[in-house]
């Protein structure tokens, strides 16, 4: 599970007049990062899970690096973003292959559900006027609790834990999607685009993985 998150202050605040430009720049970066992710997943589909974990560590290091470059160099931040997408693809490739081999329909169903989830909640988040930042902070604490719950289920057998894990995870990331797309409207500087794109990319990735697990459990 990806889980990494950026913060509101990382993105900064700016004039709302640049909102449309920020939206276009951010979504273009999201699309390009998804392309890098798909390339990484294709290249890494035969990697062992040991290598997958190694690339997770590398991707986390790249994410930390972006926090230091975002204010110094936009081009460096964009480069790290694309590298982050590529390494996340390499890390996630074996998982996607596992689901694709066991039930290919599950992958397509999860992809379709993710697209609808992001389109619906993203539109709502961009349109809503009420400040959602407090809700976002509560969702972050809920995510930490979910991670702890996931670790516990590794060692303790809990009936229905996998189903509950996926449903709760989707609820938490529904909040993150709302918050991140609201930030697209309220954060005005184009320099914020790389970190906002990172957050939205991670929303997409985590929602997709939760749906994969949910549809597999359903079947």
C-alpha atoms as a PDB file:
ATOM      1  CA  UNK A   1       0.000   0.000   0.000  1.00  0.00           C
ATOM      2  CA  UNK A   2       1.402   3.383  -0.990  1.00  0.00           C
ATOM      3  CA  UNK A   3      -0.067   5.643   1.705  1.00  0.00           C
ATOM      4  CA  UNK A   4       2.480   8.470   1.414  1.00  0.00           C
ATOM      5  CA  UNK A   5       0.906  11.911   1.834  1.00  0.00           C
ATOM      6  CA  UNK A   6       1.988  15.507   1.292  1.00  0.00           C
ATOM      7  CA  UNK A   7       0.822  18.323   3.555  1.00  0.00           C
ATOM      8  CA  UNK A   8      -1.129  21.530   3.067  1.00  0.00           C
ATOM      9  CA  UNK A   9       1.772  23.778   4.036  1.00  0.00           C
ATOM     10  CA  UNK A  10       4.054  22.007   1.582  1.00  0.00           C
ATOM     11  CA  UNK A  11       1.859  23.245  -1.236  1.00  0.00           C
ATOM     12  CA  UNK A  12       1.705  26.833   0.116  1.00  0.00           C
ATOM     13  CA  UNK A  13      -0.951  29.460  -0.440  1.00  0.00           C
ATOM     14  CA  UNK A  14      -1.240  31.861  -3.371  1.00  0.00           C
ATOM     15  CA  UNK A  15      -3.659  33.995  -5.364  1.00  0.00           C
ATOM     16  CA  UNK A  16      -6.848  32.283  -6.552  1.00  0.00           C
ATOM     17  CA  UNK A  17      -6.563  33.992  -9.932  1.00  0.00           C
ATOM     18  CA  UNK A  18      -4.069  31.328 -11.016  1.00  0.00           C
ATOM     19  CA  UNK A  19      -6.450  28.471 -10.153  1.00  0.00           C
ATOM     20  CA  UNK A  20      -7.204  27.445 -13.727  1.00  0.00           C
ATOM     21  CA  UNK A  21      -3.520  27.422 -14.668  1.00  0.00           C
ATOM     22  CA  UNK A  22      -2.712  25.438 -11.529  1.00  0.00           C
ATOM     23  CA  UNK A  23      -5.450  22.922 -12.299  1.00  0.00           C
ATOM     24  CA  UNK A  24      -4.184  22.348 -15.833  1.00  0.00           C
ATOM     25  CA  UNK A  25      -0.541  22.109 -14.773  1.00  0.00           C
ATOM     26  CA  UNK A  26      -1.316  19.742 -11.917  1.00  0.00           C
ATOM     27  CA  UNK A  27      -3.503  17.386 -13.936  1.00  0.00           C
ATOM     28  CA  UNK A  28      -0.938  17.305 -16.748  1.00  0.00           C
ATOM     29  CA  UNK A  29       1.679  16.254 -14.198  1.00  0.00           C
ATOM     30  CA  UNK A  30      -0.696  13.634 -12.775  1.00  0.00           C
ATOM     31  CA  UNK A  31      -1.221  12.183 -16.259  1.00  0.00           C
ATOM     32  CA  UNK A  32       2.526  12.122 -16.955  1.00  0.00           C
ATOM     33  CA  UNK A  33       3.236  10.521 -13.569  1.00  0.00           C
ATOM     34  CA  UNK A  34       0.602   7.865 -14.255  1.00  0.00           C
ATOM     35  CA  UNK A  35       2.381   7.176 -17.539  1.00  0.00           C
ATOM     36  CA  UNK A  36       5.674   6.711 -15.672  1.00  0.00           C
ATOM     37  CA  UNK A  37       3.889   4.460 -13.194  1.00  0.00           C
ATOM     38  CA  UNK A  38       2.464   2.275 -15.972  1.00  0.00           C
ATOM     39  CA  UNK A  39       5.907   2.024 -17.570  1.00  0.00           C
ATOM     40  CA  UNK A  40       7.405   0.999 -14.231  1.00  0.00           C
ATOM     41  CA  UNK A  41       4.662  -1.564 -13.611  1.00  0.00           C
ATOM     42  CA  UNK A  42       5.251  -3.063 -17.065  1.00  0.00           C
ATOM     43  CA  UNK A  43       9.023  -3.222 -16.653  1.00  0.00           C
ATOM     44  CA  UNK A  44       8.792  -4.558 -13.100  1.00  0.00           C
ATOM     45  CA  UNK A  45       6.007  -7.091 -13.532  1.00  0.00           C
ATOM     46  CA  UNK A  46       8.421  -9.998 -12.996  1.00  0.00           C
ATOM     47  CA  UNK A  47      10.294  -8.492 -10.055  1.00  0.00           C
ATOM     48  CA  UNK A  48      10.446 -10.388  -6.774  1.00  0.00           C
ATOM     49  CA  UNK A  49       8.658  -8.941  -3.766  1.00  0.00           C
ATOM     50  CA  UNK A  50      12.056  -8.226  -2.231  1.00  0.00           C
ATOM     51  CA  UNK A  51      12.888  -5.895  -5.098  1.00  0.00           C
ATOM     52  CA  UNK A  52       9.402  -4.405  -4.871  1.00  0.00           C
ATOM     53  CA  UNK A  53      10.020  -3.399  -1.263  1.00  0.00           C
ATOM     54  CA  UNK A  54      13.387  -1.946  -2.246  1.00  0.00           C
ATOM     55  CA  UNK A  55      11.690   0.272  -4.829  1.00  0.00           C
ATOM     56  CA  UNK A  56       9.114   1.319  -2.236  1.00  0.00           C
ATOM     57  CA  UNK A  57      12.002   2.572  -0.111  1.00  0.00           C
ATOM     58  CA  UNK A  58      13.520   4.400  -3.076  1.00  0.00           C
ATOM     59  CA  UNK A  59      10.170   6.009  -3.896  1.00  0.00           C
ATOM     60  CA  UNK A  60       9.816   7.180  -0.300  1.00  0.00           C
ATOM     61  CA  UNK A  61      13.286   8.752  -0.496  1.00  0.00           C
ATOM     62  CA  UNK A  62      12.281  10.540  -3.712  1.00  0.00           C
ATOM     63  CA  UNK A  63       9.163  11.858  -2.024  1.00  0.00           C
ATOM     64  CA  UNK A  64      11.241  13.273   0.814  1.00  0.00           C
ATOM     65  CA  UNK A  65      13.567  14.823  -1.744  1.00  0.00           C
ATOM     66  CA  UNK A  66      10.636  16.655  -3.333  1.00  0.00           C
ATOM     67  CA  UNK A  67       9.901  18.381  -0.035  1.00  0.00           C
ATOM     68  CA  UNK A  68      13.324  20.039  -0.252  1.00  0.00           C
ATOM     69  CA  UNK A  69      13.326  20.872  -3.970  1.00  0.00           C
ATOM     70  CA  UNK A  70       9.765  22.165  -4.405  1.00  0.00           C
ATOM     71  CA  UNK A  71      10.670  25.718  -3.329  1.00  0.00           C
ATOM     72  CA  UNK A  72      14.147  25.717  -4.882  1.00  0.00           C
ATOM     73  CA  UNK A  73      13.630  24.245  -8.346  1.00  0.00           C
ATOM     74  CA  UNK A  74      10.366  23.384 -10.058  1.00  0.00           C
ATOM     75  CA  UNK A  75      12.139  21.406 -12.785  1.00  0.00           C
ATOM     76  CA  UNK A  76      13.944  19.284 -10.177  1.00  0.00           C
ATOM     77  CA  UNK A  77      10.656  18.657  -8.391  1.00  0.00           C
ATOM     78  CA  UNK A  78       9.022  17.549 -11.636  1.00  0.00           C
ATOM     79  CA  UNK A  79      11.937  15.215 -12.352  1.00  0.00           C
ATOM     80  CA  UNK A  80      11.650  13.687  -8.876  1.00  0.00           C
ATOM     81  CA  UNK A  81       7.890  13.350  -9.367  1.00  0.00           C
ATOM     82  CA  UNK A  82       8.341  11.354 -12.561  1.00  0.00           C
ATOM     83  CA  UNK A  83      11.027   9.210 -10.925  1.00  0.00           C
ATOM     84  CA  UNK A  84       8.645   8.676  -8.017  1.00  0.00           C
ATOM     85  CA  UNK A  85       5.924   7.488 -10.392  1.00  0.00           C
ATOM     86  CA  UNK A  86       8.359   5.140 -12.139  1.00  0.00           C
ATOM     87  CA  UNK A  87       9.652   3.576  -8.907  1.00  0.00           C
ATOM     88  CA  UNK A  88       6.137   3.222  -7.523  1.00  0.00           C
ATOM     89  CA  UNK A  89       5.264   1.360 -10.706  1.00  0.00           C
ATOM     90  CA  UNK A  90       8.248  -0.930 -10.248  1.00  0.00           C
ATOM     91  CA  UNK A  91       7.225  -1.505  -6.625  1.00  0.00           C
ATOM     92  CA  UNK A  92       3.561  -2.153  -7.424  1.00  0.00           C
ATOM     93  CA  UNK A  93       4.043  -4.179 -10.605  1.00  0.00           C
ATOM     94  CA  UNK A  94       4.239  -7.611  -8.893  1.00  0.00           C
ATOM     95  CA  UNK A  95       1.024  -6.897  -6.975  1.00  0.00           C
ATOM     96  CA  UNK A  96      -0.869  -5.910 -10.112  1.00  0.00           C
ATOM     97  CA  UNK A  97       0.446  -9.016 -11.897  1.00  0.00           C
ATOM     98  CA  UNK A  98      -0.748 -11.197  -9.019  1.00  0.00           C
ATOM     99  CA  UNK A  99      -4.294  -9.877  -9.378  1.00  0.00           C
ATOM    100  CA  UNK A 100      -4.141  -9.973 -13.176  1.00  0.00           C
ATOM    101  CA  UNK A 101      -3.091 -13.628 -13.168  1.00  0.00           C
ATOM    102  CA  UNK A 102      -5.685 -14.696 -10.594  1.00  0.00           C
ATOM    103  CA  UNK A 103      -8.602 -12.745 -12.117  1.00  0.00           C
ATOM    104  CA  UNK A 104      -7.959 -10.228 -14.947  1.00  0.00           C
ATOM    105  CA  UNK A 105     -11.520  -8.880 -14.708  1.00  0.00           C
ATOM    106  CA  UNK A 106     -10.795  -7.667 -11.186  1.00  0.00           C
ATOM    107  CA  UNK A 107      -8.064  -5.332 -12.478  1.00  0.00           C
ATOM    108  CA  UNK A 108     -10.356  -3.759 -15.078  1.00  0.00           C
ATOM    109  CA  UNK A 109     -13.196  -3.436 -12.580  1.00  0.00           C
ATOM    110  CA  UNK A 110     -10.876  -1.753 -10.089  1.00  0.00           C
ATOM    111  CA  UNK A 111      -9.568   0.621 -12.772  1.00  0.00           C
ATOM    112  CA  UNK A 112     -13.103   1.586 -13.816  1.00  0.00           C
ATOM    113  CA  UNK A 113     -14.249   2.069 -10.233  1.00  0.00           C
ATOM    114  CA  UNK A 114     -11.190   4.202  -9.519  1.00  0.00           C
ATOM    115  CA  UNK A 115     -11.914   6.444 -12.514  1.00  0.00           C
ATOM    116  CA  UNK A 116     -15.519   6.987 -11.388  1.00  0.00           C
ATOM    117  CA  UNK A 117     -14.445   7.499  -7.765  1.00  0.00           C
ATOM    118  CA  UNK A 118     -11.872  10.149  -8.700  1.00  0.00           C
ATOM    119  CA  UNK A 119     -14.128  11.919 -11.205  1.00  0.00           C
ATOM    120  CA  UNK A 120     -17.088  12.156  -8.830  1.00  0.00           C
ATOM    121  CA  UNK A 121     -15.263  13.099  -5.646  1.00  0.00           C
ATOM    122  CA  UNK A 122     -12.728  15.255  -7.465  1.00  0.00           C
ATOM    123  CA  UNK A 123     -15.504  17.335  -9.015  1.00  0.00           C
ATOM    124  CA  UNK A 124     -17.220  17.649  -5.638  1.00  0.00           C
ATOM    125  CA  UNK A 125     -13.988  18.662  -3.916  1.00  0.00           C
ATOM    126  CA  UNK A 126     -13.218  21.313  -6.530  1.00  0.00           C
ATOM    127  CA  UNK A 127     -16.717  22.778  -6.246  1.00  0.00           C
ATOM    128  CA  UNK A 128     -17.258  22.730  -2.470  1.00  0.00           C
ATOM    129  CA  UNK A 129     -16.770  26.079  -0.733  1.00  0.00           C
ATOM    130  CA  UNK A 130     -16.507  24.937   2.871  1.00  0.00           C
ATOM    131  CA  UNK A 131     -12.920  24.621   4.132  1.00  0.00           C
ATOM    132  CA  UNK A 132     -12.077  20.903   4.320  1.00  0.00           C
ATOM    133  CA  UNK A 133      -8.598  21.200   5.831  1.00  0.00           C
ATOM    134  CA  UNK A 134      -9.763  20.116   9.304  1.00  0.00           C
ATOM    135  CA  UNK A 135     -11.461  17.090   7.791  1.00  0.00           C
ATOM    136  CA  UNK A 136      -8.233  16.305   5.973  1.00  0.00           C
ATOM    137  CA  UNK A 137      -6.247  16.322   9.209  1.00  0.00           C
ATOM    138  CA  UNK A 138      -8.771  13.955  10.795  1.00  0.00           C
ATOM    139  CA  UNK A 139      -8.437  11.672   7.768  1.00  0.00           C
ATOM    140  CA  UNK A 140      -4.665  11.625   8.239  1.00  0.00           C
ATOM    141  CA  UNK A 141      -5.086  10.363  11.798  1.00  0.00           C
ATOM    142  CA  UNK A 142      -7.604   7.819  10.556  1.00  0.00           C
ATOM    143  CA  UNK A 143      -5.072   6.635   7.970  1.00  0.00           C
ATOM    144  CA  UNK A 144      -2.444   6.136  10.666  1.00  0.00           C
ATOM    145  CA  UNK A 145      -4.971   4.100  12.665  1.00  0.00           C
ATOM    146  CA  UNK A 146      -5.743   2.019   9.568  1.00  0.00           C
ATOM    147  CA  UNK A 147      -2.036   1.306   9.068  1.00  0.00           C
ATOM    148  CA  UNK A 148      -1.815   0.102  12.667  1.00  0.00           C
ATOM    149  CA  UNK A 149      -4.909  -2.038  12.104  1.00  0.00           C
ATOM    150  CA  UNK A 150      -3.324  -3.536   8.988  1.00  0.00           C
ATOM    151  CA  UNK A 151      -0.171  -4.424  10.917  1.00  0.00           C
ATOM    152  CA  UNK A 152      -2.241  -6.054  13.675  1.00  0.00           C
ATOM    153  CA  UNK A 153      -4.113  -8.217  11.148  1.00  0.00           C
ATOM    154  CA  UNK A 154      -0.783  -9.626   9.961  1.00  0.00           C
ATOM    155  CA  UNK A 155      -0.326 -11.281  13.348  1.00  0.00           C
ATOM    156  CA  UNK A 156      -3.930 -11.668  14.543  1.00  0.00           C
ATOM    157  CA  UNK A 157      -6.657 -13.466  12.595  1.00  0.00           C
ATOM    158  CA  UNK A 158      -9.735 -11.193  12.482  1.00  0.00           C
ATOM    159  CA  UNK A 159     -12.873 -12.259  10.628  1.00  0.00           C
ATOM    160  CA  UNK A 160     -13.788  -9.803   7.852  1.00  0.00           C
ATOM    161  CA  UNK A 161     -10.654  -7.730   8.448  1.00  0.00           C
ATOM    162  CA  UNK A 162      -9.710  -7.533   4.762  1.00  0.00           C
ATOM    163  CA  UNK A 163     -13.154  -6.318   3.716  1.00  0.00           C
ATOM    164  CA  UNK A 164     -13.294  -3.749   6.528  1.00  0.00           C
ATOM    165  CA  UNK A 165      -9.754  -2.618   5.686  1.00  0.00           C
ATOM    166  CA  UNK A 166     -10.683  -1.868   2.078  1.00  0.00           C
ATOM    167  CA  UNK A 167     -13.972  -0.116   2.872  1.00  0.00           C
ATOM    168  CA  UNK A 168     -12.445   2.052   5.599  1.00  0.00           C
ATOM    169  CA  UNK A 169      -9.475   2.827   3.346  1.00  0.00           C
ATOM    170  CA  UNK A 170     -11.779   3.981   0.550  1.00  0.00           C
ATOM    171  CA  UNK A 171     -13.698   6.181   2.995  1.00  0.00           C
ATOM    172  CA  UNK A 172     -10.467   7.786   4.195  1.00  0.00           C
ATOM    173  CA  UNK A 173      -9.195   8.418   0.685  1.00  0.00           C
ATOM    174  CA  UNK A 174     -12.571   9.828  -0.317  1.00  0.00           C
ATOM    175  CA  UNK A 175     -11.788  12.615   2.141  1.00  0.00           C
ATOM    176  CA  UNK A 176      -8.260  13.018   0.778  1.00  0.00           C
ATOM    177  CA  UNK A 177      -9.598  13.341  -2.773  1.00  0.00           C
ATOM    178  CA  UNK A 178     -12.064  16.027  -1.681  1.00  0.00           C
ATOM    179  CA  UNK A 179      -9.330  17.934   0.151  1.00  0.00           C
ATOM    180  CA  UNK A 180      -6.733  17.648  -2.617  1.00  0.00           C
ATOM    181  CA  UNK A 181      -9.100  18.871  -5.327  1.00  0.00           C
ATOM    182  CA  UNK A 182     -10.239  21.740  -3.127  1.00  0.00           C
ATOM    183  CA  UNK A 183      -6.571  22.688  -2.801  1.00  0.00           C
ATOM    184  CA  UNK A 184      -6.443  22.872  -6.609  1.00  0.00           C
ATOM    185  CA  UNK A 185      -8.922  25.742  -6.366  1.00  0.00           C
ATOM    186  CA  UNK A 186      -7.593  27.501  -3.277  1.00  0.00           C
ATOM    187  CA  UNK A 187      -3.819  27.166  -3.741  1.00  0.00           C
ATOM    188  CA  UNK A 188      -2.869  29.730  -6.325  1.00  0.00           C
ATOM    189  CA  UNK A 189       0.794  29.254  -7.251  1.00  0.00           C
ATOM    190  CA  UNK A 190       1.790  27.069 -10.184  1.00  0.00           C
ATOM    191  CA  UNK A 191       4.949  26.143  -8.250  1.00  0.00           C
ATOM    192  CA  UNK A 192       2.648  24.059  -6.021  1.00  0.00           C
ATOM    193  CA  UNK A 193       1.697  21.799  -8.940  1.00  0.00           C
ATOM    194  CA  UNK A 194       4.319  19.043  -8.391  1.00  0.00           C
ATOM    195  CA  UNK A 195       3.321  18.351  -4.786  1.00  0.00           C
ATOM    196  CA  UNK A 196      -0.387  18.613  -5.534  1.00  0.00           C
ATOM    197  CA  UNK A 197       0.128  16.188  -8.422  1.00  0.00           C
ATOM    198  CA  UNK A 198       1.938  13.833  -6.046  1.00  0.00           C
ATOM    199  CA  UNK A 199      -0.992  13.867  -3.633  1.00  0.00           C
ATOM    200  CA  UNK A 200      -3.553  13.218  -6.374  1.00  0.00           C
ATOM    201  CA  UNK A 201      -1.405  10.489  -7.921  1.00  0.00           C
ATOM    202  CA  UNK A 202      -1.202   8.765  -4.527  1.00  0.00           C
ATOM    203  CA  UNK A 203      -4.957   9.131  -4.096  1.00  0.00           C
ATOM    204  CA  UNK A 204      -5.476   7.345  -7.411  1.00  0.00           C
ATOM    205  CA  UNK A 205      -2.971   4.601  -6.605  1.00  0.00           C
ATOM    206  CA  UNK A 206      -4.319   3.851  -3.131  1.00  0.00           C
ATOM    207  CA  UNK A 207      -7.950   3.896  -4.262  1.00  0.00           C
ATOM    208  CA  UNK A 208      -7.059   1.487  -7.087  1.00  0.00           C
ATOM    209  CA  UNK A 209      -5.332  -0.910  -4.682  1.00  0.00           C
ATOM    210  CA  UNK A 210      -8.231  -0.771  -2.221  1.00  0.00           C
ATOM    211  CA  UNK A 211     -10.669  -1.548  -5.025  1.00  0.00           C
ATOM    212  CA  UNK A 212      -8.476  -4.437  -6.174  1.00  0.00           C
ATOM    213  CA  UNK A 213      -8.659  -5.991  -2.733  1.00  0.00           C
ATOM    214  CA  UNK A 214     -12.365  -5.224  -2.380  1.00  0.00           C
ATOM    215  CA  UNK A 215     -13.336  -6.836  -5.673  1.00  0.00           C
ATOM    216  CA  UNK A 216     -11.156  -9.839  -4.984  1.00  0.00           C
ATOM    217  CA  UNK A 217     -12.852 -10.294  -1.600  1.00  0.00           C
ATOM    218  CA  UNK A 218     -16.245  -9.902  -3.200  1.00  0.00           C
ATOM    219  CA  UNK A 219     -15.528 -12.658  -5.718  1.00  0.00           C
END
